[in-house]
Amino acid sequence: VPIAVSFLFLCALIGLIVSSLSMLRSESQGYLGGLVLLGSPFAILMGASQLADIPLAFFLLAAVVLMCVHDRLSHRNQSILVLAGVAAGLVAWTKNEGLFIVLVLILCRFLVVATGQDGWKGAVKQLLWLTAGVLPVLLVLAAFKMHLAPTTDLFADQNIHSIWARLTDPERYKTILRAYMHTGLTFTQGIHDIRTGFRLNLGIAGILFLAVYLMLSGTAVERKDKGAILCVSMVILMTLTGYFVVYLITPHNLEWHLLTSLNRLLLQLWPAMVFITFAAARPPEMMFPAEEHRGQTVR
């Protein structure tokens, strides 16, 4: 059963990115997004390893896609926001860091809507609908945390003096920044070997691939998609910033902690990053429009 569940989540993650981009952008964009995920060996490895990072990535992507679908609809069906809230709540249920991601997601959504054409009233209204979906899951999570789950090891036996000492250590900042750079360029390719540390090992599918594709294709963002793309971009940046702070204050050996967790944390955000990249990029149909040549349509 666990093997089947992991397999279904991995297939669902790939299917969701293909179907959502095909619906919101174009069929070719959907297939390209799916190929990027399939071309990320680490994603396939984590799915086969039955770790919770793939389900978390799926629920986060589902919440993001549902918000985009909501913004695309002219009648703004609020039940879609409730479903987005349920998906976001399941992000929090899946792993401890998911709770932080959900809080950031709701905050960013509120800020983006409040500063847009819907204004503060629209932002509050959307917040209430999202809360209606999130709250039932969070209540179950709260009961689980209070009665069953052990205390997280990140804050056990911590005090203000030890935390302050780590926050004021410049070497920790350098170590974390170096790890962010190396892992950001290599995490899609596989697990780092903790015996050898960080190594620069660029693969064919990663951050650079998306950056080059976006640079070559250019952007063509639908007006209704701008808010959702901005929201997800803010979520990714704020989440990475939050992880940075956690690494600063972690009681564990910093090098070990980075080597054994940062690549999985980035993988959780990877499908959402792929989604917003292809949602913002011009589809191949716009880059290579049909031309009439001798009475025939040539693409």
Protein backbone atom coordinates (compact mmCIF):
# COMPACT_ATOMS: atom_id res chain seq x y z
CA VAL A 1 0.00 0.00 0.00
CA PRO A 2 2.71 2.61 0.80
CA ILE A 3 4.39 1.82 -2.53
CA ALA A 4 1.11 2.30 -4.38
CA VAL A 5 0.37 5.57 -2.56
CA SER A 6 3.82 6.99 -3.39
CA PHE A 7 3.48 5.93 -7.03
CA LEU A 8 0.04 7.53 -7.34
CA PHE A 9 1.24 10.83 -5.81
CA LEU A 10 4.18 10.98 -8.21
CA CYS A 11 1.93 10.27 -11.20
CA ALA A 12 -0.64 12.77 -9.91
CA LEU A 13 2.04 15.45 -9.54
CA ILE A 14 3.17 15.05 -13.14
CA GLY A 15 -0.41 14.77 -14.38
CA LEU A 16 -1.42 17.92 -12.52
CA ILE A 17 1.31 20.05 -14.01
CA VAL A 18 0.58 18.77 -17.52
CA SER A 19 -3.20 19.21 -17.27
CA SER A 20 -3.10 22.59 -15.51
CA LEU A 21 -0.63 24.17 -17.95
CA SER A 22 -2.53 22.66 -20.89
CA MET A 23 -5.73 24.22 -19.60
CA LEU A 24 -4.35 27.60 -18.56
CA ARG A 25 -1.71 28.09 -21.26
CA SER A 26 -1.36 25.57 -24.08
CA GLU A 27 -1.02 21.85 -24.58
CA SER A 28 2.62 22.18 -25.59
CA GLN A 29 3.42 24.15 -22.43
CA GLY A 30 1.78 21.40 -20.39
CA TYR A 31 3.89 18.68 -21.99
CA LEU A 32 7.06 20.74 -21.55
CA GLY A 33 6.30 21.24 -17.86
CA GLY A 34 5.67 17.53 -17.43
CA LEU A 35 8.92 16.69 -19.24
CA VAL A 36 10.89 18.97 -16.91
CA LEU A 37 9.53 17.09 -13.89
CA LEU A 38 10.17 13.72 -15.54
CA GLY A 39 13.66 14.95 -16.36
CA SER A 40 14.37 15.69 -12.69
CA PRO A 41 15.86 12.42 -11.36
CA PHE A 42 15.61 13.54 -7.74
CA ALA A 43 11.83 13.93 -8.02
CA ILE A 44 11.50 10.37 -9.34
CA LEU A 45 13.88 9.10 -6.64
CA MET A 46 11.92 10.76 -3.83
CA GLY A 47 8.69 9.31 -5.18
CA ALA A 48 10.21 5.82 -5.27
CA SER A 49 11.67 6.36 -1.78
CA GLN A 50 8.15 6.90 -0.38
CA LEU A 51 9.11 10.18 1.31
CA ALA A 52 6.48 12.81 2.12
CA ASP A 53 8.13 15.55 0.04
CA ILE A 54 6.31 14.49 -3.15
CA PRO A 55 2.82 14.56 -1.55
CA LEU A 56 3.64 17.97 -0.06
CA ALA A 57 4.75 19.24 -3.47
CA PHE A 58 1.51 17.90 -4.99
CA PHE A 59 -0.75 19.61 -2.46
CA LEU A 60 1.15 22.90 -2.79
CA LEU A 61 0.89 22.77 -6.58
CA ALA A 62 -2.82 21.93 -6.29
CA ALA A 63 -3.42 25.00 -4.11
CA VAL A 64 -1.52 27.20 -6.57
CA VAL A 65 -3.35 25.82 -9.61
CA LEU A 66 -6.76 26.25 -7.96
CA MET A 67 -5.97 29.89 -7.20
CA CYS A 68 -5.03 30.43 -10.84
CA VAL A 69 -8.25 28.76 -12.00
CA HIS A 70 -10.24 30.96 -9.62
CA ASP A 71 -8.66 34.11 -11.06
CA ARG A 72 -9.33 32.98 -14.63
CA LEU A 73 -13.07 32.51 -14.09
CA SER A 74 -15.15 35.59 -14.78
CA HIS A 75 -17.80 34.66 -12.20
CA ARG A 76 -15.12 33.87 -9.54
CA ASN A 77 -16.56 30.65 -8.13
CA GLN A 78 -15.64 30.86 -4.43
CA SER A 79 -15.90 27.12 -3.93
CA ILE A 80 -12.62 26.84 -5.85
CA LEU A 81 -10.97 28.95 -3.14
CA VAL A 82 -12.36 26.58 -0.53
CA LEU A 83 -10.75 23.68 -2.40
CA ALA A 84 -7.50 25.66 -2.58
CA GLY A 85 -7.73 26.09 1.19
CA VAL A 86 -8.22 22.34 1.67
CA ALA A 87 -5.15 21.64 -0.49
CA ALA A 88 -3.16 24.20 1.49
CA GLY A 89 -4.28 22.62 4.74
CA LEU A 90 -3.07 19.23 3.51
CA VAL A 91 0.34 20.84 2.90
CA ALA A 92 0.47 21.62 6.63
CA TRP A 93 -0.74 18.13 7.51
CA THR A 94 1.92 16.40 5.42
CA LYS A 95 5.08 17.78 7.05
CA ASN A 96 6.07 20.22 9.80
CA GLU A 97 7.45 22.81 7.38
CA GLY A 98 4.14 22.68 5.53
CA LEU A 99 2.51 24.77 8.25
CA PHE A 100 4.96 27.59 7.58
CA ILE A 101 4.35 27.31 3.83
CA VAL A 102 0.59 27.58 4.35
CA LEU A 103 0.92 30.70 6.50
CA VAL A 104 3.17 32.30 3.88
CA LEU A 105 0.79 31.29 1.07
CA ILE A 106 -2.24 32.83 2.77
CA LEU A 107 -0.32 36.00 3.67
CA CYS A 108 1.01 36.46 0.13
CA ARG A 109 -2.39 35.83 -1.40
CA PHE A 110 -3.94 38.42 0.91
CA LEU A 111 -1.30 41.04 0.08
CA VAL A 112 -1.48 40.47 -3.68
CA VAL A 113 -5.28 40.68 -3.77
CA ALA A 114 -5.37 43.67 -1.41
CA THR A 115 -2.99 45.65 -3.62
CA GLY A 116 -4.82 44.64 -6.81
CA GLN A 117 -8.11 45.70 -8.32
CA ASP A 118 -10.17 43.79 -5.74
CA GLY A 119 -8.76 45.88 -2.89
CA TRP A 120 -8.88 45.15 0.83
CA LYS A 121 -12.53 44.08 0.81
CA GLY A 122 -11.85 41.51 -1.88
CA ALA A 123 -8.76 40.32 0.00
CA VAL A 124 -10.70 39.82 3.22
CA LYS A 125 -13.45 37.98 1.34
CA GLN A 126 -10.95 35.63 -0.29
CA LEU A 127 -9.20 35.13 3.04
CA LEU A 128 -12.45 33.97 4.61
CA TRP A 129 -13.11 31.46 1.81
CA LEU A 130 -9.54 30.12 2.03
CA THR A 131 -9.88 29.85 5.80
CA ALA A 132 -13.07 27.84 5.37
CA GLY A 133 -11.02 25.22 3.54
CA VAL A 134 -7.89 25.38 5.68
CA LEU A 135 -9.48 25.47 9.12
CA PRO A 136 -10.93 21.91 9.30
CA VAL A 137 -7.56 20.43 8.38
CA LEU A 138 -5.71 22.69 10.83
CA LEU A 139 -8.07 21.65 13.64
CA VAL A 140 -7.22 18.00 13.01
CA LEU A 141 -3.53 18.93 12.84
CA ALA A 142 -3.76 20.83 16.15
CA ALA A 143 -5.33 17.82 17.86
CA PHE A 144 -2.60 15.59 16.45
CA LYS A 145 0.18 17.93 17.59
CA MET A 146 -1.23 18.34 21.09
CA HIS A 147 -1.98 14.69 21.85
CA LEU A 148 0.24 12.49 19.66
CA ALA A 149 3.15 14.22 17.95
CA PRO A 150 6.46 14.65 19.81
CA THR A 151 8.15 18.04 20.15
CA THR A 152 10.23 19.02 17.15
CA ASP A 153 13.96 18.59 17.66
CA LEU A 154 14.70 22.03 16.18
CA PHE A 155 13.53 23.85 19.30
CA ALA A 156 14.12 21.26 22.00
CA ASP A 157 16.58 22.46 24.67
CA GLN A 158 17.00 25.79 22.87
CA ASN A 159 17.37 29.08 24.73
CA ILE A 160 17.68 32.70 23.73
CA HIS A 161 21.44 32.81 24.36
CA SER A 162 22.25 29.85 22.11
CA ILE A 163 19.95 31.16 19.38
CA TRP A 164 21.49 34.63 19.55
CA ALA A 165 25.00 33.19 19.35
CA ARG A 166 24.11 31.39 16.13
CA LEU A 167 22.33 34.41 14.65
CA THR A 168 25.44 36.56 15.15
CA ASP A 169 27.90 34.05 13.70
CA PRO A 170 28.91 35.28 10.19
CA GLU A 171 30.34 31.89 9.23
CA ARG A 172 26.89 30.32 9.43
CA TYR A 173 25.59 32.86 6.92
CA LYS A 174 28.42 32.04 4.51
CA THR A 175 27.87 28.30 4.88
CA ILE A 176 24.14 28.55 4.25
CA LEU A 177 24.53 30.88 1.26
CA ARG A 178 27.09 28.53 -0.28
CA ALA A 179 24.75 25.58 0.28
CA TYR A 180 21.84 27.49 -1.30
CA MET A 181 23.94 28.18 -4.40
CA HIS A 182 25.25 24.63 -4.84
CA THR A 183 21.98 22.91 -3.98
CA GLY A 184 19.93 25.28 -6.11
CA LEU A 185 21.99 24.29 -9.14
CA THR A 186 22.08 20.56 -8.48
CA PHE A 187 19.12 19.42 -6.36
CA THR A 188 17.05 18.10 -9.27
CA GLN A 189 19.78 15.59 -10.14
CA GLY A 190 19.99 13.58 -6.92
CA ILE A 191 20.98 13.36 -3.27
CA HIS A 192 24.25 14.90 -2.15
CA ASP A 193 26.80 12.50 -0.74
CA ILE A 194 27.34 13.65 2.84
CA ARG A 195 30.80 12.05 2.76
CA THR A 196 31.99 14.40 0.02
CA GLY A 197 29.90 17.49 0.76
CA PHE A 198 28.58 19.95 -1.78
CA ARG A 199 29.82 19.63 -5.35
CA LEU A 200 28.95 21.69 -8.41
CA ASN A 201 27.20 19.19 -10.66
CA LEU A 202 25.02 20.95 -13.21
CA GLY A 203 22.31 18.80 -14.76
CA ILE A 204 20.09 19.22 -17.77
CA ALA A 205 16.96 20.04 -15.74
CA GLY A 206 17.21 22.65 -13.03
CA ILE A 207 17.00 26.32 -12.16
CA LEU A 208 19.32 27.28 -15.02
CA PHE A 209 17.22 25.36 -17.53
CA LEU A 210 14.09 27.29 -16.54
CA ALA A 211 15.98 30.60 -16.57
CA VAL A 212 17.39 29.98 -20.06
CA TYR A 213 14.01 28.84 -21.39
CA LEU A 214 12.30 31.93 -19.99
CA MET A 215 15.00 34.17 -21.43
CA LEU A 216 14.72 32.63 -24.91
CA SER A 217 10.93 32.44 -25.01
CA GLY A 218 10.14 35.74 -23.38
CA THR A 219 7.09 36.33 -21.23
CA ALA A 220 3.43 36.59 -22.19
CA VAL A 221 1.49 36.66 -18.94
CA GLU A 222 -2.28 36.70 -19.06
CA ARG A 223 -3.68 39.68 -17.16
CA LYS A 224 -5.72 37.43 -14.88
CA ASP A 225 -2.64 35.30 -14.12
CA LYS A 226 -0.40 38.14 -12.94
CA GLY A 227 -1.65 38.07 -9.35
CA ALA A 228 -1.29 34.31 -8.98
CA ILE A 229 2.20 34.27 -10.51
CA LEU A 230 3.29 37.13 -8.26
CA CYS A 231 1.79 35.36 -5.24
CA VAL A 232 3.62 32.09 -5.92
CA SER A 233 6.89 33.92 -6.57
CA MET A 234 6.55 35.67 -3.22
CA VAL A 235 5.73 32.38 -1.50
CA ILE A 236 8.87 30.72 -2.89
CA LEU A 237 11.14 33.61 -1.88
CA MET A 238 9.63 33.99 1.59
CA THR A 239 9.73 30.24 2.20
CA LEU A 240 13.41 30.07 1.25
CA THR A 241 14.05 33.02 3.57
CA GLY A 242 12.26 31.23 6.39
CA TYR A 243 14.32 28.09 5.80
CA PHE A 244 17.45 30.24 5.90
CA VAL A 245 16.51 31.49 9.38
CA VAL A 246 15.79 27.94 10.57
CA TYR A 247 19.21 26.81 9.39
CA LEU A 248 20.76 29.72 11.25
CA ILE A 249 19.30 28.62 14.58
CA THR A 250 19.36 24.84 14.13
CA PRO A 251 20.97 22.99 17.06
CA HIS A 252 22.28 20.28 14.72
CA ASN A 253 25.59 20.27 12.91
CA LEU A 254 24.96 22.88 10.22
CA GLU A 255 26.83 21.16 7.38
CA TRP A 256 25.08 17.84 8.06
CA HIS A 257 21.67 19.51 8.35
CA LEU A 258 22.08 21.30 5.03
CA LEU A 259 23.34 18.21 3.22
CA THR A 260 20.52 15.99 4.42
CA SER A 261 17.52 18.33 4.04
CA LEU A 262 17.98 21.34 1.76
CA ASN A 263 17.63 19.41 -1.49
CA ARG A 264 14.31 17.93 -0.31
CA LEU A 265 13.04 21.32 0.80
CA LEU A 266 13.80 22.75 -2.62
CA LEU A 267 12.12 19.77 -4.27
CA GLN A 268 8.89 20.61 -2.45
CA LEU A 269 8.85 24.00 -4.22
CA TRP A 270 10.13 22.72 -7.57
CA PRO A 271 6.77 21.83 -9.22
CA ALA A 272 5.34 25.24 -8.28
CA MET A 273 8.45 26.88 -9.76
CA VAL A 274 8.04 24.89 -12.98
CA PHE A 275 4.36 25.83 -13.11
CA ILE A 276 4.84 29.60 -12.79
CA THR A 277 7.76 29.56 -15.24
CA PHE A 278 5.71 27.94 -18.00
CA ALA A 279 2.64 29.96 -17.03
CA ALA A 280 4.65 33.14 -17.60
CA ALA A 281 6.62 32.03 -20.67
CA ARG A 282 5.40 32.45 -24.22
CA PRO A 283 4.17 29.09 -25.53
CA PRO A 284 5.83 27.61 -28.64
CA GLU A 285 2.71 28.50 -30.65
CA MET A 286 3.49 32.19 -30.11
CA MET A 287 7.21 31.82 -30.77
CA PHE A 288 6.65 29.90 -34.01
CA PRO A 289 3.32 31.11 -35.43
CA ALA A 290 1.72 29.46 -38.39
CA GLU A 291 2.68 30.93 -41.76
CA GLU A 292 0.78 30.70 -44.96
CA HIS A 293 3.09 29.34 -47.63
CA ARG A 294 1.87 28.30 -51.11
CA GLY A 295 -1.64 27.71 -49.91
CA GLN A 296 -0.53 25.40 -47.07
CA THR A 297 -0.19 26.04 -43.36
CA VAL A 298 3.41 25.56 -42.29
CA ARG A 299 4.40 25.55 -38.63
